[in-house]
C-alpha atoms as a PDB file:
ATOM      1  CA  THR A   1       0.018  -0.036  -0.409  1.00  0.00           C
ATOM      2  CA  SER A   2       1.065   3.729  -1.121  1.00  0.00           C
ATOM      3  CA  GLY A   3       0.138   6.582   0.492  1.00  0.00           C
ATOM      4  CA  SER A   4      -1.406   9.022  -0.581  1.00  0.00           C
ATOM      5  CA  VAL A   5      -0.385  11.532  -3.819  1.00  0.00           C
ATOM      6  CA  ALA A   6      -1.159  14.961  -5.178  1.00  0.00           C
ATOM      7  CA  VAL A   7      -0.256  15.556  -8.387  1.00  0.00           C
ATOM      8  CA  THR A   8      -0.551  19.711  -9.914  1.00  0.00           C
ATOM      9  CA  VAL A   9       0.065  19.464 -13.539  1.00  0.00           C
ATOM     10  CA  VAL A  10      -0.141  22.800 -16.050  1.00  0.00           C
ATOM     11  CA  ALA A  11       0.239  21.556 -19.146  1.00  0.00           C
ATOM     12  CA  VAL A  12       0.922  23.733 -22.706  1.00  0.00           C
ATOM     13  CA  VAL A  13       0.896  21.503 -26.360  1.00  0.00           C
ATOM     14  CA  THR A  14       3.789  23.251 -27.913  1.00  0.00           C
ATOM     15  CA  ASN A  15       4.615  21.957 -31.647  1.00  0.00           C
ATOM     16  CA  ILE A  16       8.016  21.714 -31.384  1.00  0.00           C
ATOM     17  CA  CYS A  17       7.989  21.440 -34.949  1.00  0.00           C
ATOM     18  CA  SER A  18       7.530  24.467 -35.926  1.00  0.00           C
ATOM     19  CA  GLY A  19      10.113  26.429 -38.413  1.00  0.00           C
ATOM     20  CA  VAL A  20      10.633  22.197 -39.666  1.00  0.00           C
ATOM     21  CA  PRO A  21       9.796  22.034 -43.754  1.00  0.00           C
ATOM     22  CA  ALA A  22       6.609  19.682 -44.375  1.00  0.00           C
ATOM     23  CA  TYR A  23       7.657  16.437 -46.657  1.00  0.00           C
ATOM     24  CA  ILE A  24       6.851  17.318 -50.472  1.00  0.00           C
ATOM     25  CA  GLU A  25       7.957  14.344 -53.067  1.00  0.00           C
ATOM     26  CA  ASN A  26      11.407  14.911 -54.319  1.00  0.00           C
ATOM     27  CA  ASN A  27      12.696  17.850 -52.946  1.00  0.00           C
ATOM     28  CA  GLY A  28      16.616  17.849 -53.066  1.00  0.00           C
ATOM     29  CA  TYR A  29      17.141  16.031 -49.780  1.00  0.00           C
ATOM     30  CA  VAL A  30      19.662  15.241 -48.485  1.00  0.00           C
ATOM     31  CA  ALA A  31      21.989  13.455 -45.120  1.00  0.00           C
ATOM     32  CA  GLY A  32      20.788  15.352 -41.849  1.00  0.00           C
ATOM     33  CA  SER A  33      17.733  16.830 -43.378  1.00  0.00           C
ATOM     34  CA  LYS A  34      14.637  17.827 -41.537  1.00  0.00           C
ATOM     35  CA  VAL A  35      11.101  17.425 -42.334  1.00  0.00           C
ATOM     36  CA  THR A  36       7.909  17.354 -40.663  1.00  0.00           C
ATOM     37  CA  ASN A  37       5.278  14.003 -42.362  1.00  0.00           C
ATOM     38  CA  ALA A  38       1.767  13.492 -40.396  1.00  0.00           C
ATOM     39  CA  GLY A  39       2.502  14.898 -37.098  1.00  0.00           C
ATOM     40  CA  ARG A  40       6.451  14.230 -36.635  1.00  0.00           C
ATOM     41  CA  GLN A  41       9.559  14.700 -37.435  1.00  0.00           C
ATOM     42  CA  TYR A  42      11.860  13.137 -39.439  1.00  0.00           C
ATOM     43  CA  GLU A  43      16.231  13.120 -40.391  1.00  0.00           C
ATOM     44  CA  CYS A  44      17.477  12.098 -43.383  1.00  0.00           C
ATOM     45  CA  LYS A  45      19.541   8.924 -43.154  1.00  0.00           C
ATOM     46  CA  GLU A  46      23.250   9.320 -44.093  1.00  0.00           C
ATOM     47  CA  TYR A  47      24.855   7.228 -47.204  1.00  0.00           C
ATOM     48  CA  PRO A  48      24.240   5.206 -48.786  1.00  0.00           C
ATOM     49  CA  TYR A  49      20.753   5.789 -47.296  1.00  0.00           C
ATOM     50  CA  THR A  50      20.048   9.301 -48.460  1.00  0.00           C
ATOM     51  CA  GLY A  51      19.186   8.689 -52.012  1.00  0.00           C
ATOM     52  CA  TRP A  52      16.653   7.287 -50.782  1.00  0.00           C
ATOM     53  CA  CYS A  53      14.365  10.668 -49.022  1.00  0.00           C
ATOM     54  CA  ASN A  54      14.188  11.405 -52.430  1.00  0.00           C
ATOM     55  CA  GLY A  55      11.729   7.995 -53.750  1.00  0.00           C
ATOM     56  CA  ALA A  56       8.448   7.994 -54.612  1.00  0.00           C
ATOM     57  CA  ALA A  57       6.680   9.051 -52.020  1.00  0.00           C
ATOM     58  CA  TRP A  58       4.101   5.875 -51.989  1.00  0.00           C
ATOM     59  CA  ALA A  59       7.298   4.226 -50.861  1.00  0.00           C
ATOM     60  CA  TYR A  60       9.578   6.627 -48.919  1.00  0.00           C
ATOM     61  CA  ALA A  61       7.035   8.901 -47.718  1.00  0.00           C
ATOM     62  CA  PRO A  62       8.803   9.571 -43.717  1.00  0.00           C
ATOM     63  CA  GLY A  63       5.896   7.311 -41.562  1.00  0.00           C
ATOM     64  CA  THR A  64       3.596   6.390 -44.113  1.00  0.00           C
ATOM     65  CA  GLY A  65       6.069   5.124 -46.962  1.00  0.00           C
ATOM     66  CA  SER A  66       5.505   1.155 -48.006  1.00  0.00           C
ATOM     67  CA  TYR A  67       9.294   1.629 -46.991  1.00  0.00           C
ATOM     68  CA  TRP A  68       9.902   5.057 -44.988  1.00  0.00           C
ATOM     69  CA  THR A  69      12.219   3.358 -42.181  1.00  0.00           C
ATOM     70  CA  ASP A  70      15.419   2.318 -45.238  1.00  0.00           C
ATOM     71  CA  ALA A  71      15.697   6.266 -45.360  1.00  0.00           C
ATOM     72  CA  TRP A  72      14.333   7.818 -42.296  1.00  0.00           C
ATOM     73  CA  TYR A  73      15.197   8.643 -38.776  1.00  0.00           C
ATOM     74  CA  ASP A  74      11.727   8.729 -36.525  1.00  0.00           C
ATOM     75  CA  ARG A  75      12.447  12.222 -34.330  1.00  0.00           C
ATOM     76  CA  GLY A  76      10.226  12.047 -32.303  1.00  0.00           C
ATOM     77  CA  SER A  77       6.341  13.656 -32.170  1.00  0.00           C
ATOM     78  CA  CYS A  78       5.940  17.877 -33.235  1.00  0.00           C
ATOM     79  CA  THR A  79       3.251  17.404 -30.296  1.00  0.00           C
ATOM     80  CA  ALA A  80       4.903  18.125 -26.735  1.00  0.00           C
ATOM     81  CA  ARG A  81       2.901  18.697 -23.791  1.00  0.00           C
ATOM     82  CA  ILE A  82       5.625  20.895 -21.372  1.00  0.00           C
ATOM     83  CA  ALA A  83       4.677  20.992 -17.685  1.00  0.00           C
ATOM     84  CA  ALA A  84       4.516  24.219 -16.488  1.00  0.00           C
ATOM     85  CA  GLU A  85       7.685  25.890 -14.187  1.00  0.00           C
ATOM     86  CA  THR A  86       5.427  25.850 -10.935  1.00  0.00           C
ATOM     87  CA  SER A  87       3.833  22.564 -10.371  1.00  0.00           C
ATOM     88  CA  ASN A  88       4.964  20.474  -8.003  1.00  0.00           C
ATOM     89  CA  VAL A  89       4.155  16.755  -7.451  1.00  0.00           C
ATOM     90  CA  THR A  90       2.706  16.432  -2.835  1.00  0.00           C
ATOM     91  CA  ALA A  91       2.977  12.906  -1.635  1.00  0.00           C
ATOM     92  CA  GLU A  92       2.484  11.498   2.035  1.00  0.00           C
ATOM     93  CA  GLY A  93       4.410  13.872   3.836  1.00  0.00           C
ATOM     94  CA  ASP A  94       3.802  16.728   1.954  1.00  0.00           C
ATOM     95  CA  GLN A  95       7.260  16.606   0.195  1.00  0.00           C
ATOM     96  CA  THR A  96       7.374  18.957  -2.767  1.00  0.00           C
ATOM     97  CA  VAL A  97      10.109  18.007  -5.382  1.00  0.00           C
ATOM     98  CA  GLU A  98      11.181  20.313  -8.552  1.00  0.00           C
ATOM     99  CA  VAL A  99      13.142  20.994 -10.842  1.00  0.00           C
ATOM    100  CA  VAL A 100      14.617  24.594 -11.429  1.00  0.00           C
ATOM    101  CA  PRO A 101      15.291  26.534 -12.843  1.00  0.00           C
ATOM    102  CA  ASN A 102      13.372  25.756 -16.281  1.00  0.00           C
ATOM    103  CA  PRO A 103      13.813  26.041 -18.993  1.00  0.00           C
ATOM    104  CA  ALA A 104      17.932  25.767 -17.514  1.00  0.00           C
ATOM    105  CA  THR A 105      21.351  25.601 -19.546  1.00  0.00           C
ATOM    106  CA  ASP A 106      24.804  24.095 -17.540  1.00  0.00           C
ATOM    107  CA  VAL A 107      22.883  23.137 -13.892  1.00  0.00           C
ATOM    108  CA  VAL A 108      19.527  22.373 -12.339  1.00  0.00           C
ATOM    109  CA  THR A 109      18.899  22.617  -8.530  1.00  0.00           C
ATOM    110  CA  ILE A 110      16.644  19.787  -7.765  1.00  0.00           C
ATOM    111  CA  ASN A 111      14.711  20.497  -4.788  1.00  0.00           C
ATOM    112  CA  ALA A 112      13.892  17.762  -2.338  1.00  0.00           C
ATOM    113  CA  ASN A 113      13.913  17.312   1.435  1.00  0.00           C
ATOM    114  CA  GLU A 114      16.355  13.478   1.250  1.00  0.00           C
ATOM    115  CA  PRO A 115      18.978  12.771  -1.066  1.00  0.00           C
ATOM    116  CA  VAL A 116      17.715  11.319  -4.696  1.00  0.00           C
ATOM    117  CA  VAL A 117      18.273   9.424  -7.564  1.00  0.00           C
ATOM    118  CA  VAL A 118      17.496  10.757 -10.422  1.00  0.00           C
ATOM    119  CA  SER A 119      17.643   9.339 -14.080  1.00  0.00           C
ATOM    120  CA  LEU A 120      17.660  11.706 -17.078  1.00  0.00           C
ATOM    121  CA  TYR A 121      15.462  10.385 -20.753  1.00  0.00           C
ATOM    122  CA  ASN A 122      15.065  11.801 -23.869  1.00  0.00           C
ATOM    123  CA  SER A 123      12.002  12.896 -25.945  1.00  0.00           C
ATOM    124  CA  GLN A 124      12.369   8.902 -27.167  1.00  0.00           C
ATOM    125  CA  GLY A 125      12.687   7.682 -23.656  1.00  0.00           C
ATOM    126  CA  ILE A 126      15.978   6.889 -24.104  1.00  0.00           C
ATOM    127  CA  ALA A 127      18.420   7.357 -21.247  1.00  0.00           C
ATOM    128  CA  VAL A 128      20.826  10.220 -21.466  1.00  0.00           C
ATOM    129  CA  MET A 129      21.803   9.592 -17.615  1.00  0.00           C
ATOM    130  CA  SER A 130      20.508   7.065 -15.510  1.00  0.00           C
ATOM    131  CA  ASN A 131      20.605   6.752 -11.071  1.00  0.00           C
ATOM    132  CA  THR A 132      22.967   9.723 -10.678  1.00  0.00           C
ATOM    133  CA  LYS A 133      22.817  10.402  -6.746  1.00  0.00           C
ATOM    134  CA  VAL A 134      22.091  13.758  -5.649  1.00  0.00           C
ATOM    135  CA  GLU A 135      21.736  15.461  -2.151  1.00  0.00           C
ATOM    136  CA  ALA A 136      18.788  17.435  -1.463  1.00  0.00           C
ATOM    137  CA  ARG A 137      18.446  20.230  -2.393  1.00  0.00           C
ATOM    138  CA  GLY A 138      20.984  19.288  -4.956  1.00  0.00           C
ATOM    139  CA  THR A 139      22.568  20.152  -8.432  1.00  0.00           C
ATOM    140  CA  LEU A 140      22.696  18.254 -11.587  1.00  0.00           C
ATOM    141  CA  ASN A 141      24.829  19.486 -14.703  1.00  0.00           C
ATOM    142  CA  ILE A 142      23.140  19.400 -17.749  1.00  0.00           C
ATOM    143  CA  SER A 143      25.728  21.009 -19.533  1.00  0.00           C
ATOM    144  CA  SER A 144      26.697  18.396 -21.877  1.00  0.00           C
ATOM    145  CA  LEU A 145      23.611  17.777 -23.322  1.00  0.00           C
ATOM    146  CA  SER A 146      21.826  18.644 -25.711  1.00  0.00           C
ATOM    147  CA  SER A 147      19.070  21.309 -26.207  1.00  0.00           C
ATOM    148  CA  GLY A 148      15.688  19.636 -25.993  1.00  0.00           C
ATOM    149  CA  ILE A 149      13.009  18.406 -24.142  1.00  0.00           C
ATOM    150  CA  TYR A 150      13.799  16.130 -21.557  1.00  0.00           C
ATOM    151  CA  LEU A 151      12.028  13.738 -18.726  1.00  0.00           C
ATOM    152  CA  VAL A 152      13.241  13.600 -15.474  1.00  0.00           C
ATOM    153  CA  LYS A 153      12.323  10.848 -12.969  1.00  0.00           C
ATOM    154  CA  ILE A 154      12.671  11.236  -8.803  1.00  0.00           C
ATOM    155  CA  ASP A 155      12.517   8.811  -7.024  1.00  0.00           C
ATOM    156  CA  THR A 156      13.614   9.711  -2.801  1.00  0.00           C
ATOM    157  CA  GLY A 157      12.590   6.790  -2.407  1.00  0.00           C
ATOM    158  CA  SER A 158       8.710   5.897  -0.898  1.00  0.00           C
ATOM    159  CA  THR A 159       7.343   7.240  -3.955  1.00  0.00           C
ATOM    160  CA  VAL A 160       9.118   8.601  -7.993  1.00  0.00           C
ATOM    161  CA  VAL A 161       8.170  11.845  -9.446  1.00  0.00           C
ATOM    162  CA  THR A 162       8.711  12.397 -12.712  1.00  0.00           C
ATOM    163  CA  LYS A 163       9.495  16.112 -14.479  1.00  0.00           C
ATOM    164  CA  VAL A 164       9.998  17.673 -17.867  1.00  0.00           C
ATOM    165  CA  LEU A 165      13.307  19.592 -18.307  1.00  0.00           C
ATOM    166  CA  ILE A 166      13.557  22.006 -20.912  1.00  0.00           C
ATOM    167  CA  LYS A 167      17.548  22.137 -21.290  1.00  0.00           C
ATOM    168  CA  ASN A 168      18.589  25.490 -23.481  1.00  0.00           C
END
């Protein structure tokens, strides 16, 4: 049996692909070209697969063509839910866990009442930092991470809190 947990989240739906062009069949794509299609972002693969990015849409349109995975990497959904900076999770005993500042560039502070174990996941769900011990009100260096949206999993020992972190 677990203690009660109250969750307050204010979310904003954002198009993280704004400024990325829509896919157009045979548009002269090269390795690294990014496009949007069917609500997701894709990146043209490197040589020798690059040529397929300009193939027929029925076969190679990213996400919808029969053989699109031969030509494109799926870089994730264009729609992200971003939790407001003020959202907190309160667990039994009125414990609040915060990640501040958010958005951040180099260092974030994990505000908790006790030491925690932190794991960080990129927007594709891949762990970029695992089981890092952080002291109560300790800092976490994120300067080596690429800009983007990350999920921060914070294990307090009695509960697991998940936060969204935006890295500038």
